[in-house]
Amino acid sequence: MADPRREAGPTRGPAVRSWLARLRTGLAEALARRRVPLGFLFGAIVLWLAAPTPATLLLGTPIAAAGEALRIWAAGHLNKAREVTSSGPYRWFAHPLYVGSSVIGMGLAIACSSPAVFVLVATYLGATLTAAVTSEEAFLRRTFGDRYDRYRRGSPTSGDHARRFSLSQARANREYRAVVGVLLAVLLLALKATYNGAFWRTAGTYLVRPGG
């Protein structure tokens, strides 16, 4: 008599793998949708742990600016969710917006001058950007099919590799919000580097003053 477990095994394996793939995609999409509110939470913790100095700000800020410049360049070459393009930085990077975000994170972590911040930034970017890439690639394959696969193989999609950068397209993609975010982060770190030490020394003196 045949063993029913052996008969069920070959058919059950693909079903389990399919279920795991759907679960992985679902979790990635959920994390990708929440990466902005998670970013605010991690940002607040990072600011609290940061110990910036003028030297680390001078080192980290240009790196963050370079990352944002890459994002602006990419945003000016893409009509999000409506096309696959191979122009601008998309000729070299599959996800230049996320590469730019990683460079920004590295620059800000350097500016913060804190090992704990490096760990937090690496954890946040590693988790959320991996989830975003997984979710985005699933969407692009559903939407564009073979065209996206040909793009990933390095084949031009429609002769658009010669397309010129468009600042209006970058604005349409709301890249100005990322610019404001980077500027605000640098400003807050600069304020902390300049005033935070004096503030806490003054507060400590007040708290321990006799008769206070």
Protein backbone atom coordinates (compact mmCIF):
# COMPACT_ATOMS: atom_id res chain seq x y z
CA MET A 1 0.00 0.00 0.00
CA ALA A 2 1.35 3.43 -0.97
CA ASP A 3 2.33 5.85 1.73
CA PRO A 4 -0.15 8.80 1.52
CA ARG A 5 2.47 11.17 2.90
CA ARG A 6 4.74 10.44 -0.05
CA GLU A 7 1.90 11.00 -2.50
CA ALA A 8 0.91 14.31 -0.90
CA GLY A 9 4.46 15.58 -0.58
CA PRO A 10 5.14 16.63 -4.22
CA THR A 11 1.84 18.48 -4.53
CA ARG A 12 1.97 20.05 -1.09
CA GLY A 13 5.48 21.48 -1.58
CA PRO A 14 4.59 24.04 -4.31
CA ALA A 15 1.47 25.06 -2.39
CA VAL A 16 3.50 25.73 0.75
CA ARG A 17 6.09 27.69 -1.22
CA SER A 18 3.34 29.72 -2.88
CA TRP A 19 1.76 30.46 0.51
CA LEU A 20 5.11 31.50 1.96
CA ALA A 21 5.76 33.75 -1.04
CA ARG A 22 2.37 35.44 -0.61
CA LEU A 23 2.99 35.84 3.10
CA ARG A 24 6.42 37.36 2.47
CA THR A 25 5.00 39.76 -0.11
CA GLY A 26 2.13 40.73 2.20
CA LEU A 27 4.47 41.44 5.11
CA ALA A 28 6.76 43.43 2.83
CA GLU A 29 3.85 45.53 1.56
CA ALA A 30 2.64 46.19 5.11
CA LEU A 31 6.10 47.29 6.26
CA ALA A 32 6.63 49.38 3.12
CA ARG A 33 3.35 51.24 3.73
CA ARG A 34 4.42 52.05 7.28
CA ARG A 35 7.98 53.11 6.58
CA VAL A 36 7.13 56.85 6.75
CA PRO A 37 5.50 56.81 10.23
CA LEU A 38 8.25 54.43 11.35
CA GLY A 39 10.73 56.95 9.99
CA PHE A 40 9.33 59.67 12.26
CA LEU A 41 9.58 57.35 15.26
CA PHE A 42 13.15 56.31 14.46
CA GLY A 43 14.03 59.92 13.66
CA ALA A 44 12.93 61.07 17.11
CA ILE A 45 15.00 58.34 18.77
CA VAL A 46 17.98 59.16 16.57
CA LEU A 47 17.80 62.85 17.48
CA TRP A 48 17.67 61.96 21.16
CA LEU A 49 20.72 59.67 20.88
CA ALA A 50 22.70 61.90 18.52
CA ALA A 51 25.89 63.55 19.75
CA PRO A 52 26.80 65.72 16.74
CA THR A 53 29.84 67.94 16.61
CA PRO A 54 30.80 70.59 14.06
CA ALA A 55 33.35 68.16 12.59
CA THR A 56 30.87 65.28 12.14
CA LEU A 57 28.30 67.68 10.67
CA LEU A 58 30.84 68.93 8.15
CA LEU A 59 31.63 65.32 7.23
CA GLY A 60 28.14 63.87 7.15
CA THR A 61 26.12 66.71 5.63
CA PRO A 62 27.76 66.60 2.16
CA ILE A 63 27.18 62.83 2.04
CA ALA A 64 23.50 63.31 2.87
CA ALA A 65 23.31 66.08 0.27
CA ALA A 66 24.81 63.75 -2.34
CA GLY A 67 22.17 61.15 -1.51
CA GLU A 68 19.40 63.71 -1.92
CA ALA A 69 20.92 64.89 -5.21
CA LEU A 70 20.70 61.30 -6.47
CA ARG A 71 17.07 61.15 -5.41
CA ILE A 72 16.26 64.42 -7.20
CA TRP A 73 18.01 63.15 -10.34
CA ALA A 74 16.01 59.91 -10.21
CA ALA A 75 12.70 61.65 -9.47
CA GLY A 76 13.23 63.85 -12.53
CA HIS A 77 13.39 60.78 -14.78
CA LEU A 78 10.40 58.77 -13.56
CA ASN A 79 6.62 58.98 -13.73
CA LYS A 80 5.98 56.87 -10.65
CA ALA A 81 3.73 53.82 -10.97
CA ARG A 82 3.04 54.60 -14.64
CA GLU A 83 6.17 53.53 -16.47
CA VAL A 84 9.45 51.66 -16.46
CA THR A 85 12.35 53.86 -17.45
CA SER A 86 16.03 53.32 -18.20
CA SER A 87 17.02 56.99 -18.33
CA GLY A 88 19.18 58.96 -15.92
CA PRO A 89 20.35 56.93 -12.90
CA TYR A 90 17.98 54.11 -13.86
CA ARG A 91 20.58 53.09 -16.42
CA TRP A 92 22.84 51.97 -13.53
CA PHE A 93 20.53 51.39 -10.54
CA ALA A 94 17.27 49.47 -10.40
CA HIS A 95 16.12 51.60 -7.46
CA PRO A 96 18.11 54.86 -7.38
CA LEU A 97 15.59 56.54 -5.08
CA TYR A 98 16.30 53.93 -2.42
CA VAL A 99 20.03 54.08 -3.07
CA GLY A 100 19.80 57.83 -2.49
CA SER A 101 17.86 57.27 0.73
CA SER A 102 20.57 54.88 1.94
CA VAL A 103 23.28 57.45 1.23
CA ILE A 104 21.25 60.10 3.06
CA GLY A 105 20.92 57.77 6.04
CA MET A 106 24.66 57.09 6.05
CA GLY A 107 25.44 60.81 5.93
CA LEU A 108 23.07 61.66 8.76
CA ALA A 109 24.38 58.77 10.85
CA ILE A 110 27.92 60.11 10.42
CA ALA A 111 26.70 63.59 11.40
CA CYS A 112 25.09 62.15 14.55
CA SER A 113 28.43 60.72 15.75
CA SER A 114 26.80 57.90 17.75
CA PRO A 115 27.32 54.12 17.40
CA ALA A 116 23.74 53.54 18.58
CA VAL A 117 22.48 55.78 15.79
CA PHE A 118 24.47 53.81 13.21
CA VAL A 119 22.75 50.62 14.41
CA LEU A 120 19.29 52.22 14.37
CA VAL A 121 19.73 53.76 10.93
CA ALA A 122 21.10 50.53 9.48
CA THR A 123 18.23 48.54 11.00
CA TYR A 124 15.57 50.94 9.77
CA LEU A 125 16.94 51.26 6.25
CA GLY A 126 17.73 47.56 5.94
CA ALA A 127 14.22 46.52 6.97
CA THR A 128 12.07 49.19 5.32
CA LEU A 129 13.96 49.57 2.04
CA THR A 130 14.18 45.82 1.55
CA ALA A 131 10.43 45.63 2.11
CA ALA A 132 9.84 48.56 -0.24
CA VAL A 133 11.94 46.97 -3.00
CA THR A 134 10.12 43.63 -2.61
CA SER A 135 6.71 45.32 -2.70
CA GLU A 136 7.62 47.61 -5.60
CA GLU A 137 9.08 44.86 -7.76
CA ALA A 138 5.97 42.72 -7.23
CA PHE A 139 3.80 45.67 -8.31
CA LEU A 140 5.96 46.44 -11.36
CA ARG A 141 5.90 42.82 -12.52
CA ARG A 142 2.12 42.71 -12.14
CA THR A 143 1.74 46.00 -14.00
CA PHE A 144 4.39 45.81 -16.72
CA GLY A 145 5.17 42.10 -16.97
CA ASP A 146 7.93 41.24 -19.42
CA ARG A 147 8.81 44.88 -19.94
CA TYR A 148 10.03 45.16 -16.37
CA ASP A 149 11.94 41.87 -16.62
CA ARG A 150 13.68 43.13 -19.78
CA TYR A 151 14.57 46.34 -17.94
CA ARG A 152 16.09 44.34 -15.07
CA ARG A 153 18.13 42.36 -17.60
CA GLY A 154 19.59 45.64 -18.85
CA SER A 155 17.61 45.93 -22.09
CA PRO A 156 16.32 49.43 -22.99
CA THR A 157 12.57 49.55 -22.48
CA SER A 158 11.47 52.00 -25.15
CA GLY A 159 14.42 54.08 -26.24
CA ASP A 160 13.85 56.40 -23.28
CA HIS A 161 17.46 56.03 -22.03
CA ALA A 162 18.15 59.40 -23.71
CA ARG A 163 15.35 61.19 -21.85
CA ARG A 164 16.44 64.45 -20.23
CA PHE A 165 16.05 65.36 -16.58
CA SER A 166 12.83 67.23 -15.76
CA LEU A 167 12.64 69.38 -12.64
CA SER A 168 8.86 69.60 -13.03
CA GLN A 169 8.69 65.80 -12.94
CA ALA A 170 10.75 65.77 -9.75
CA ARG A 171 8.26 68.23 -8.25
CA ALA A 172 5.35 66.10 -9.46
CA ASN A 173 6.93 63.16 -7.63
CA ARG A 174 6.97 65.35 -4.49
CA GLU A 175 10.70 65.05 -4.03
CA TYR A 176 10.63 68.45 -2.33
CA ARG A 177 9.33 66.66 0.75
CA ALA A 178 12.54 64.63 0.98
CA VAL A 179 14.58 67.82 0.48
CA VAL A 180 12.73 69.48 3.36
CA GLY A 181 13.24 66.39 5.51
CA VAL A 182 17.00 66.35 4.96
CA LEU A 183 17.31 70.09 5.60
CA LEU A 184 15.25 69.80 8.78
CA ALA A 185 17.34 66.88 10.03
CA VAL A 186 20.59 68.75 9.42
CA LEU A 187 19.19 71.88 11.08
CA LEU A 188 18.09 69.96 14.18
CA LEU A 189 21.47 68.25 14.44
CA ALA A 190 23.22 71.61 14.04
CA LEU A 191 21.07 73.10 16.80
CA LYS A 192 21.81 70.18 19.06
CA ALA A 193 25.53 70.42 18.35
CA THR A 194 25.48 74.15 19.09
CA TYR A 195 23.09 74.56 22.00
CA ASN A 196 22.27 71.23 23.59
CA GLY A 197 25.34 70.98 25.81
CA ALA A 198 24.96 74.49 27.18
CA PHE A 199 21.21 73.95 27.72
CA TRP A 200 21.66 70.81 29.81
CA ARG A 201 24.53 72.31 31.79
CA THR A 202 22.35 75.31 32.61
CA ALA A 203 19.38 73.11 33.49
CA GLY A 204 21.55 70.92 35.71
CA THR A 205 22.92 73.95 37.54
CA TYR A 206 19.38 75.18 38.14
CA LEU A 207 18.16 71.82 39.42
CA VAL A 208 20.94 71.37 41.97
CA ARG A 209 21.06 75.01 43.09
CA PRO A 210 20.43 75.26 46.88
CA GLY A 211 16.97 76.51 47.63
CA GLY A 212 15.84 75.78 44.03
